[in-house]
Amino acid sequence: MKKRVAYQGITGSFSSMAARALYGSDIAPVQTTRFRDIFEHVTSGRADVGVVPIENALAGSIHENYDLLSEYRCSIVGEFYCPVQLHLMAVSPTETVESITHVFSHPKALEQCSTFLERSPSISPVVFSDTAGAAAHVQELGAPGFAAIASDEAAREYRLSIIAPAIQNHASNMTRFFAVSVHPEAVLAPSKCTLILSLRHEPASLHRLLGEFAELAINVTKIESRPIPGKPFEYSFHIDLESTPEAKGTLHDAVERARRATVETRVLGFYSTVRG
């Protein structure tokens, strides 16, 4: 039976690319328009696993998905770093940048191509729900003057011609994705672990916790603070830990240290990383 994988967007979106990188091309896609729907599908059993973006190298953290990880009882079972190349594409290969009047894309993609758009004042950006959907919409319009900003996979899927390649502000860009499931996976030698921590509301509590990880030579690759509902100006912390060759303990040892140093520690998962 094919693995049912929920993700936001349609075929050709970066989430679609991440889902196939993690689980292969022979999946049963469960496509959604909202991130929350991914968690709903996974926790209800309508999908076996969900794939959600958590952080972009340029735009930063996707706070909605951090909050959904806190809200839903899902485990992280995988991680994928997806290279992001954004291209300007249109129906006809004879279109030029100068002939385009409207460009459709996700707001983050438009933001990541802001330099190109500022240099092309005749092009009006139009916000769309996702990059691949924008490409499909331009194909449906089938008219001159309309373009989309999306991936090369979207260009192939929706038979569009790339008229300006790699127009993102920075040549090197990536989005980090988590795979989430209601069933934690046993990983023999996990490379990473993610925790949600509640610290004592007192001076140096975070400093002491980080000292515990430092003693084990466990690398802290990400700290994200999120407000605790009902406790104004108090925060929980999402912390990503990475095992290193120099480590003096395992990731499981780091979790035990965290439990002793915090009010509450929730393990979101032990997992391995895939890079595109």
C-alpha atoms as a PDB file:
ATOM      1  CA  MET A   1       0.000   0.000   0.000  1.00  0.00           C
ATOM      2  CA  LYS A   2       1.269   3.461  -0.888  1.00  0.00           C
ATOM      3  CA  LYS A   3       2.220   5.777   1.971  1.00  0.00           C
ATOM      4  CA  ARG A   4      -0.318   8.567   2.333  1.00  0.00           C
ATOM      5  CA  VAL A   5       1.640  11.804   2.649  1.00  0.00           C
ATOM      6  CA  ALA A   6      -0.107  15.091   3.465  1.00  0.00           C
ATOM      7  CA  TYR A   7       1.448  18.376   2.396  1.00  0.00           C
ATOM      8  CA  GLN A   8       0.410  21.927   1.554  1.00  0.00           C
ATOM      9  CA  GLY A   9       0.081  22.753  -2.119  1.00  0.00           C
ATOM     10  CA  ILE A  10      -0.103  20.717  -5.311  1.00  0.00           C
ATOM     11  CA  THR A  11       2.353  18.786  -7.457  1.00  0.00           C
ATOM     12  CA  GLY A  12       5.362  20.961  -8.230  1.00  0.00           C
ATOM     13  CA  SER A  13       5.294  22.826  -4.913  1.00  0.00           C
ATOM     14  CA  PHE A  14       8.392  22.709  -2.728  1.00  0.00           C
ATOM     15  CA  SER A  15       6.382  20.741  -0.157  1.00  0.00           C
ATOM     16  CA  SER A  16       5.587  18.198  -2.876  1.00  0.00           C
ATOM     17  CA  MET A  17       9.284  17.991  -3.733  1.00  0.00           C
ATOM     18  CA  ALA A  18      10.168  17.484  -0.058  1.00  0.00           C
ATOM     19  CA  ALA A  19       7.537  14.746   0.335  1.00  0.00           C
ATOM     20  CA  ARG A  20       8.972  12.800  -2.593  1.00  0.00           C
ATOM     21  CA  ALA A  21      12.551  13.308  -1.455  1.00  0.00           C
ATOM     22  CA  LEU A  22      11.652  11.794   1.921  1.00  0.00           C
ATOM     23  CA  TYR A  23       9.301   9.007   0.804  1.00  0.00           C
ATOM     24  CA  GLY A  24       9.914   8.410  -2.892  1.00  0.00           C
ATOM     25  CA  SER A  25       7.882   9.201  -5.980  1.00  0.00           C
ATOM     26  CA  ASP A  26       5.374   6.381  -5.426  1.00  0.00           C
ATOM     27  CA  ILE A  27       3.322   8.033  -2.679  1.00  0.00           C
ATOM     28  CA  ALA A  28      -0.380   8.712  -2.291  1.00  0.00           C
ATOM     29  CA  PRO A  29      -0.432  12.525  -1.961  1.00  0.00           C
ATOM     30  CA  VAL A  30      -2.940  14.149   0.386  1.00  0.00           C
ATOM     31  CA  GLN A  31      -2.886  17.759  -0.757  1.00  0.00           C
ATOM     32  CA  THR A  32      -4.098  20.605   1.470  1.00  0.00           C
ATOM     33  CA  THR A  33      -4.393  24.374   1.367  1.00  0.00           C
ATOM     34  CA  ARG A  34      -3.631  24.959   5.067  1.00  0.00           C
ATOM     35  CA  PHE A  35      -0.836  23.762   7.339  1.00  0.00           C
ATOM     36  CA  ARG A  36      -3.356  22.937  10.066  1.00  0.00           C
ATOM     37  CA  ASP A  37      -5.059  20.499   7.701  1.00  0.00           C
ATOM     38  CA  ILE A  38      -1.827  18.501   7.484  1.00  0.00           C
ATOM     39  CA  PHE A  39      -1.855  17.897  11.246  1.00  0.00           C
ATOM     40  CA  GLU A  40      -5.580  17.129  11.149  1.00  0.00           C
ATOM     41  CA  HIS A  41      -5.073  14.517   8.432  1.00  0.00           C
ATOM     42  CA  VAL A  42      -2.196  12.894  10.311  1.00  0.00           C
ATOM     43  CA  THR A  43      -3.851  12.779  13.738  1.00  0.00           C
ATOM     44  CA  SER A  44      -7.167  11.538  12.319  1.00  0.00           C
ATOM     45  CA  GLY A  45      -5.511   8.740  10.374  1.00  0.00           C
ATOM     46  CA  ARG A  46      -6.387  10.117   6.936  1.00  0.00           C
ATOM     47  CA  ALA A  47      -2.656  10.384   6.226  1.00  0.00           C
ATOM     48  CA  ASP A  48       0.248   8.260   7.419  1.00  0.00           C
ATOM     49  CA  VAL A  49       2.660  11.173   7.617  1.00  0.00           C
ATOM     50  CA  GLY A  50       2.696  14.916   7.001  1.00  0.00           C
ATOM     51  CA  VAL A  51       5.440  17.116   5.566  1.00  0.00           C
ATOM     52  CA  VAL A  52       5.577  20.731   6.763  1.00  0.00           C
ATOM     53  CA  PRO A  53       8.064  23.563   6.194  1.00  0.00           C
ATOM     54  CA  ILE A  54       9.537  24.806   9.438  1.00  0.00           C
ATOM     55  CA  GLU A  55      12.248  27.289   8.454  1.00  0.00           C
ATOM     56  CA  ASN A  56      13.648  29.093   5.432  1.00  0.00           C
ATOM     57  CA  ALA A  57      17.295  30.089   5.319  1.00  0.00           C
ATOM     58  CA  LEU A  58      16.384  33.654   4.305  1.00  0.00           C
ATOM     59  CA  ALA A  59      12.835  34.296   5.530  1.00  0.00           C
ATOM     60  CA  GLY A  60      13.365  32.563   8.891  1.00  0.00           C
ATOM     61  CA  SER A  61      11.026  30.476  11.031  1.00  0.00           C
ATOM     62  CA  ILE A  62       7.468  29.555  10.072  1.00  0.00           C
ATOM     63  CA  HIS A  63       5.860  30.301  13.426  1.00  0.00           C
ATOM     64  CA  GLU A  64       2.495  28.789  12.546  1.00  0.00           C
ATOM     65  CA  ASN A  65       4.051  25.362  12.220  1.00  0.00           C
ATOM     66  CA  TYR A  66       6.005  25.709  15.459  1.00  0.00           C
ATOM     67  CA  ASP A  67       2.704  26.408  17.203  1.00  0.00           C
ATOM     68  CA  LEU A  68       0.981  23.484  15.469  1.00  0.00           C
ATOM     69  CA  LEU A  69       3.780  21.167  16.625  1.00  0.00           C
ATOM     70  CA  SER A  70       2.994  22.289  20.174  1.00  0.00           C
ATOM     71  CA  GLU A  71      -0.757  21.918  19.739  1.00  0.00           C
ATOM     72  CA  TYR A  72      -0.909  18.479  18.113  1.00  0.00           C
ATOM     73  CA  ARG A  73       0.484  15.239  19.541  1.00  0.00           C
ATOM     74  CA  CYS A  74       2.689  14.401  16.593  1.00  0.00           C
ATOM     75  CA  SER A  75       6.283  13.227  16.454  1.00  0.00           C
ATOM     76  CA  ILE A  76       8.991  14.386  14.091  1.00  0.00           C
ATOM     77  CA  VAL A  77      10.173  11.371  12.099  1.00  0.00           C
ATOM     78  CA  GLY A  78      12.354  13.004   9.445  1.00  0.00           C
ATOM     79  CA  GLU A  79      13.931  16.213   8.212  1.00  0.00           C
ATOM     80  CA  PHE A  80      14.709  17.422   4.690  1.00  0.00           C
ATOM     81  CA  TYR A  81      16.670  20.446   3.491  1.00  0.00           C
ATOM     82  CA  CYS A  82      15.145  21.458   0.145  1.00  0.00           C
ATOM     83  CA  PRO A  83      17.145  23.752  -2.158  1.00  0.00           C
ATOM     84  CA  VAL A  84      14.998  26.680  -3.310  1.00  0.00           C
ATOM     85  CA  GLN A  85      15.447  27.917  -6.865  1.00  0.00           C
ATOM     86  CA  LEU A  86      12.735  30.313  -8.039  1.00  0.00           C
ATOM     87  CA  HIS A  87      12.137  30.965 -11.724  1.00  0.00           C
ATOM     88  CA  LEU A  88       9.921  33.338 -13.716  1.00  0.00           C
ATOM     89  CA  MET A  89       7.781  31.245 -16.084  1.00  0.00           C
ATOM     90  CA  ALA A  90       5.079  31.898 -18.671  1.00  0.00           C
ATOM     91  CA  VAL A  91       2.982  29.974 -21.185  1.00  0.00           C
ATOM     92  CA  SER A  92       4.921  31.111 -24.258  1.00  0.00           C
ATOM     93  CA  PRO A  93       8.718  30.852 -24.617  1.00  0.00           C
ATOM     94  CA  THR A  94       8.607  34.097 -26.622  1.00  0.00           C
ATOM     95  CA  GLU A  95       7.535  36.099 -23.548  1.00  0.00           C
ATOM     96  CA  THR A  96      10.173  38.405 -22.081  1.00  0.00           C
ATOM     97  CA  VAL A  97      10.517  40.031 -18.690  1.00  0.00           C
ATOM     98  CA  GLU A  98       9.456  43.317 -20.314  1.00  0.00           C
ATOM     99  CA  SER A  99       6.244  41.790 -21.698  1.00  0.00           C
ATOM    100  CA  ILE A 100       5.033  40.492 -18.334  1.00  0.00           C
ATOM    101  CA  THR A 101       2.451  42.641 -16.531  1.00  0.00           C
ATOM    102  CA  HIS A 102       1.384  40.339 -13.652  1.00  0.00           C
ATOM    103  CA  VAL A 103       3.264  37.647 -11.744  1.00  0.00           C
ATOM    104  CA  PHE A 104       1.571  35.176  -9.386  1.00  0.00           C
ATOM    105  CA  SER A 105       3.252  33.398  -6.477  1.00  0.00           C
ATOM    106  CA  HIS A 106       3.229  32.642  -2.775  1.00  0.00           C
ATOM    107  CA  PRO A 107       3.958  35.767  -0.680  1.00  0.00           C
ATOM    108  CA  LYS A 108       7.201  34.272   0.666  1.00  0.00           C
ATOM    109  CA  ALA A 109       8.393  33.523  -2.861  1.00  0.00           C
ATOM    110  CA  LEU A 110       7.569  37.087  -3.936  1.00  0.00           C
ATOM    111  CA  GLU A 111       9.467  38.340  -0.898  1.00  0.00           C
ATOM    112  CA  GLN A 112      12.484  36.193  -1.789  1.00  0.00           C
ATOM    113  CA  CYS A 113      12.480  37.679  -5.317  1.00  0.00           C
ATOM    114  CA  SER A 114      12.032  41.281  -4.189  1.00  0.00           C
ATOM    115  CA  THR A 115      15.232  42.564  -5.815  1.00  0.00           C
ATOM    116  CA  PHE A 116      14.213  41.221  -9.235  1.00  0.00           C
ATOM    117  CA  LEU A 117      10.702  42.656  -8.871  1.00  0.00           C
ATOM    118  CA  GLU A 118      12.020  46.064  -7.816  1.00  0.00           C
ATOM    119  CA  ARG A 119      14.114  46.120 -10.997  1.00  0.00           C
ATOM    120  CA  SER A 120      11.005  45.270 -13.049  1.00  0.00           C
ATOM    121  CA  PRO A 121       8.495  47.999 -12.090  1.00  0.00           C
ATOM    122  CA  SER A 122       6.142  47.088 -14.950  1.00  0.00           C
ATOM    123  CA  ILE A 123       5.390  43.736 -13.262  1.00  0.00           C
ATOM    124  CA  SER A 124       2.631  43.733 -10.627  1.00  0.00           C
ATOM    125  CA  PRO A 125       3.018  40.956  -8.017  1.00  0.00           C
ATOM    126  CA  VAL A 126      -0.159  38.998  -7.228  1.00  0.00           C
ATOM    127  CA  VAL A 127      -0.311  36.838  -4.087  1.00  0.00           C
ATOM    128  CA  PHE A 128      -1.295  33.200  -4.611  1.00  0.00           C
ATOM    129  CA  SER A 129      -1.750  30.341  -2.134  1.00  0.00           C
ATOM    130  CA  ASP A 130       1.332  28.416  -3.276  1.00  0.00           C
ATOM    131  CA  THR A 131       3.996  28.533  -5.980  1.00  0.00           C
ATOM    132  CA  ALA A 132       2.847  25.458  -7.918  1.00  0.00           C
ATOM    133  CA  GLY A 133      -0.765  26.633  -7.782  1.00  0.00           C
ATOM    134  CA  ALA A 134       0.389  29.924  -9.289  1.00  0.00           C
ATOM    135  CA  ALA A 135       2.057  28.028 -12.142  1.00  0.00           C
ATOM    136  CA  ALA A 136      -1.109  25.985 -12.763  1.00  0.00           C
ATOM    137  CA  HIS A 137      -3.163  29.204 -12.726  1.00  0.00           C
ATOM    138  CA  VAL A 138      -0.953  30.837 -15.355  1.00  0.00           C
ATOM    139  CA  GLN A 139      -1.315  27.748 -17.559  1.00  0.00           C
ATOM    140  CA  GLU A 140      -5.105  27.933 -17.164  1.00  0.00           C
ATOM    141  CA  LEU A 141      -5.133  31.637 -18.070  1.00  0.00           C
ATOM    142  CA  GLY A 142      -3.151  30.858 -21.199  1.00  0.00           C
ATOM    143  CA  ALA A 143      -2.777  34.539 -22.000  1.00  0.00           C
ATOM    144  CA  PRO A 144       0.254  36.726 -22.712  1.00  0.00           C
ATOM    145  CA  GLY A 145       1.515  39.039 -19.998  1.00  0.00           C
ATOM    146  CA  PHE A 146       0.953  36.613 -17.117  1.00  0.00           C
ATOM    147  CA  ALA A 147       3.738  34.738 -15.329  1.00  0.00           C
ATOM    148  CA  ALA A 148       4.389  32.746 -12.193  1.00  0.00           C
ATOM    149  CA  ILE A 149       7.332  32.409  -9.844  1.00  0.00           C
ATOM    150  CA  ALA A 150       7.827  28.742  -8.990  1.00  0.00           C
ATOM    151  CA  SER A 151      10.177  25.757  -9.175  1.00  0.00           C
ATOM    152  CA  ASP A 152      11.546  24.096 -12.304  1.00  0.00           C
ATOM    153  CA  GLU A 153       9.451  21.048 -11.340  1.00  0.00           C
ATOM    154  CA  ALA A 154       6.326  23.222 -11.503  1.00  0.00           C
ATOM    155  CA  ALA A 155       7.401  24.510 -14.923  1.00  0.00           C
ATOM    156  CA  ARG A 156       7.669  20.937 -16.196  1.00  0.00           C
ATOM    157  CA  GLU A 157       4.425  19.811 -14.549  1.00  0.00           C
ATOM    158  CA  TYR A 158       2.342  22.679 -15.961  1.00  0.00           C
ATOM    159  CA  ARG A 159       4.135  23.047 -19.308  1.00  0.00           C
ATOM    160  CA  LEU A 160       5.455  26.555 -18.757  1.00  0.00           C
ATOM    161  CA  SER A 161       8.599  28.121 -20.194  1.00  0.00           C
ATOM    162  CA  ILE A 162      11.192  29.579 -17.854  1.00  0.00           C
ATOM    163  CA  ILE A 163      11.937  33.067 -19.178  1.00  0.00           C
ATOM    164  CA  ALA A 164      14.147  34.235 -16.284  1.00  0.00           C
ATOM    165  CA  PRO A 165      15.901  31.527 -14.245  1.00  0.00           C
ATOM    166  CA  ALA A 166      16.975  31.711 -10.600  1.00  0.00           C
ATOM    167  CA  ILE A 167      15.590  35.162  -9.804  1.00  0.00           C
ATOM    168  CA  GLN A 168      15.691  34.778  -6.014  1.00  0.00           C
ATOM    169  CA  ASN A 169      17.628  37.422  -4.085  1.00  0.00           C
ATOM    170  CA  HIS A 170      20.327  34.983  -2.974  1.00  0.00           C
ATOM    171  CA  ALA A 171      21.753  32.121  -5.011  1.00  0.00           C
ATOM    172  CA  SER A 172      21.953  29.844  -1.972  1.00  0.00           C
ATOM    173  CA  ASN A 173      18.574  29.323  -0.319  1.00  0.00           C
ATOM    174  CA  MET A 174      16.953  26.344   1.374  1.00  0.00           C
ATOM    175  CA  THR A 175      13.780  25.464   3.217  1.00  0.00           C
ATOM    176  CA  ARG A 176      13.872  22.963   6.056  1.00  0.00           C
ATOM    177  CA  PHE A 177      10.957  20.523   6.293  1.00  0.00           C
ATOM    178  CA  PHE A 178       9.813  18.197   9.069  1.00  0.00           C
ATOM    179  CA  ALA A 179       7.998  14.924   8.499  1.00  0.00           C
ATOM    180  CA  VAL A 180       5.453  14.342  11.281  1.00  0.00           C
ATOM    181  CA  SER A 181       3.516  11.254  12.344  1.00  0.00           C
ATOM    182  CA  VAL A 182       1.457  10.054  15.306  1.00  0.00           C
ATOM    183  CA  HIS A 183       3.785   7.047  15.499  1.00  0.00           C
ATOM    184  CA  PRO A 184       7.347   7.806  16.659  1.00  0.00           C
ATOM    185  CA  GLU A 185       9.954   5.920  14.667  1.00  0.00           C
ATOM    186  CA  ALA A 186      12.823   4.020  16.237  1.00  0.00           C
ATOM    187  CA  VAL A 187      16.011   5.366  14.623  1.00  0.00           C
ATOM    188  CA  LEU A 188      19.116   3.305  15.364  1.00  0.00           C
ATOM    189  CA  ALA A 189      21.529   6.234  15.211  1.00  0.00           C
ATOM    190  CA  PRO A 190      19.548   9.501  15.064  1.00  0.00           C
ATOM    191  CA  SER A 191      21.475  12.578  14.068  1.00  0.00           C
ATOM    192  CA  LYS A 192      19.046  15.060  15.605  1.00  0.00           C
ATOM    193  CA  CYS A 193      16.402  15.504  18.267  1.00  0.00           C
ATOM    194  CA  THR A 194      13.816  18.231  18.850  1.00  0.00           C
ATOM    195  CA  LEU A 195      12.421  19.174  22.263  1.00  0.00           C
ATOM    196  CA  ILE A 196       9.784  21.578  23.571  1.00  0.00           C
ATOM    197  CA  LEU A 197      10.859  22.900  26.959  1.00  0.00           C
ATOM    198  CA  SER A 198       9.257  24.955  29.704  1.00  0.00           C
ATOM    199  CA  LEU A 199      11.860  26.589  31.939  1.00  0.00           C
ATOM    200  CA  ARG A 200      11.608  27.927  35.442  1.00  0.00           C
ATOM    201  CA  HIS A 201      10.694  31.614  35.236  1.00  0.00           C
ATOM    202  CA  GLU A 202      13.869  32.741  36.970  1.00  0.00           C
ATOM    203  CA  PRO A 203      17.263  34.227  36.061  1.00  0.00           C
ATOM    204  CA  ALA A 204      19.783  32.017  34.205  1.00  0.00           C
ATOM    205  CA  SER A 205      17.420  29.051  33.688  1.00  0.00           C
ATOM    206  CA  LEU A 206      18.176  28.928  29.952  1.00  0.00           C
ATOM    207  CA  HIS A 207      21.892  29.443  30.624  1.00  0.00           C
ATOM    208  CA  ARG A 208      21.963  26.429  32.951  1.00  0.00           C
ATOM    209  CA  LEU A 209      20.152  24.261  30.424  1.00  0.00           C
ATOM    210  CA  LEU A 210      22.558  25.157  27.629  1.00  0.00           C
ATOM    211  CA  GLY A 211      25.425  24.390  29.981  1.00  0.00           C
ATOM    212  CA  GLU A 212      24.113  20.832  30.346  1.00  0.00           C
ATOM    213  CA  PHE A 213      24.245  20.377  26.572  1.00  0.00           C
ATOM    214  CA  ALA A 214      27.710  21.964  26.418  1.00  0.00           C
ATOM    215  CA  GLU A 215      29.054  19.455  28.951  1.00  0.00           C
ATOM    216  CA  LEU A 216      27.953  16.640  26.639  1.00  0.00           C
ATOM    217  CA  ALA A 217      29.341  18.421  23.527  1.00  0.00           C
ATOM    218  CA  ILE A 218      25.875  18.199  21.973  1.00  0.00           C
ATOM    219  CA  ASN A 219      25.324  20.909  19.358  1.00  0.00           C
ATOM    220  CA  VAL A 220      22.304  23.211  19.737  1.00  0.00           C
ATOM    221  CA  THR A 221      21.377  24.071  16.133  1.00  0.00           C
ATOM    222  CA  LYS A 222      18.169  26.032  16.734  1.00  0.00           C
ATOM    223  CA  ILE A 223      16.302  27.753  19.574  1.00  0.00           C
ATOM    224  CA  GLU A 224      12.825  29.131  18.903  1.00  0.00           C
ATOM    225  CA  SER A 225      10.778  30.767  21.665  1.00  0.00           C
ATOM    226  CA  ARG A 226       6.984  30.779  21.446  1.00  0.00           C
ATOM    227  CA  PRO A 227       4.441  32.444  23.815  1.00  0.00           C
ATOM    228  CA  ILE A 228       2.711  30.163  26.316  1.00  0.00           C
ATOM    229  CA  PRO A 229      -1.089  30.657  26.022  1.00  0.00           C
ATOM    230  CA  GLY A 230      -2.543  31.960  29.290  1.00  0.00           C
ATOM    231  CA  LYS A 231       0.855  33.023  30.660  1.00  0.00           C
ATOM    232  CA  PRO A 232       1.582  36.534  29.368  1.00  0.00           C
ATOM    233  CA  PHE A 233       5.237  37.110  28.445  1.00  0.00           C
ATOM    234  CA  GLU A 234       6.285  33.580  29.351  1.00  0.00           C
ATOM    235  CA  TYR A 235       7.671  31.336  26.659  1.00  0.00           C
ATOM    236  CA  SER A 236       8.316  27.746  25.777  1.00  0.00           C
ATOM    237  CA  PHE A 237      11.401  26.842  23.782  1.00  0.00           C
ATOM    238  CA  HIS A 238      11.732  24.580  20.759  1.00  0.00           C
ATOM    239  CA  ILE A 239      15.311  23.334  20.736  1.00  0.00           C
ATOM    240  CA  ASP A 240      17.010  21.247  18.048  1.00  0.00           C
ATOM    241  CA  LEU A 241      19.928  19.126  19.220  1.00  0.00           C
ATOM    242  CA  GLU A 242      22.505  17.523  16.957  1.00  0.00           C
ATOM    243  CA  SER A 243      24.917  14.756  17.789  1.00  0.00           C
ATOM    244  CA  THR A 244      28.560  15.477  16.953  1.00  0.00           C
ATOM    245  CA  PRO A 245      31.641  13.253  16.564  1.00  0.00           C
ATOM    246  CA  GLU A 246      33.050  14.944  19.669  1.00  0.00           C
ATOM    247  CA  ALA A 247      29.941  14.255  21.782  1.00  0.00           C
ATOM    248  CA  LYS A 248      30.527  12.893  25.289  1.00  0.00           C
ATOM    249  CA  GLY A 249      27.028  11.486  25.474  1.00  0.00           C
ATOM    250  CA  THR A 250      24.069  10.540  23.314  1.00  0.00           C
ATOM    251  CA  LEU A 251      21.030  12.574  22.370  1.00  0.00           C
ATOM    252  CA  HIS A 252      19.105  10.448  24.890  1.00  0.00           C
ATOM    253  CA  ASP A 253      21.573  11.599  27.565  1.00  0.00           C
ATOM    254  CA  ALA A 254      20.882  15.195  26.554  1.00  0.00           C
ATOM    255  CA  VAL A 255      17.142  14.616  26.943  1.00  0.00           C
ATOM    256  CA  GLU A 256      17.641  13.273  30.465  1.00  0.00           C
ATOM    257  CA  ARG A 257      19.716  16.345  31.344  1.00  0.00           C
ATOM    258  CA  ALA A 258      16.928  18.544  29.944  1.00  0.00           C
ATOM    259  CA  ARG A 259      14.277  16.794  32.038  1.00  0.00           C
ATOM    260  CA  ARG A 260      16.243  17.554  35.220  1.00  0.00           C
ATOM    261  CA  ALA A 261      16.822  21.203  34.273  1.00  0.00           C
ATOM    262  CA  THR A 262      13.305  22.171  33.159  1.00  0.00           C
ATOM    263  CA  VAL A 263       9.745  22.354  34.443  1.00  0.00           C
ATOM    264  CA  GLU A 264       8.572  20.230  31.522  1.00  0.00           C
ATOM    265  CA  THR A 265      10.285  18.526  28.581  1.00  0.00           C
ATOM    266  CA  ARG A 266       8.410  17.093  25.622  1.00  0.00           C
ATOM    267  CA  VAL A 267      10.380  15.068  23.082  1.00  0.00           C
ATOM    268  CA  LEU A 268       9.090  15.746  19.588  1.00  0.00           C
ATOM    269  CA  GLY A 269      11.274  13.092  18.037  1.00  0.00           C
ATOM    270  CA  PHE A 270      14.619  11.511  17.261  1.00  0.00           C
ATOM    271  CA  TYR A 271      15.298  11.535  13.536  1.00  0.00           C
ATOM    272  CA  SER A 272      17.820  11.675  10.711  1.00  0.00           C
ATOM    273  CA  THR A 273      18.387  14.377   8.113  1.00  0.00           C
ATOM    274  CA  VAL A 274      18.152  14.207   4.311  1.00  0.00           C
ATOM    275  CA  ARG A 275      19.662  16.977   2.190  1.00  0.00           C
ATOM    276  CA  GLY A 276      18.629  17.797  -1.356  1.00  0.00           C
END
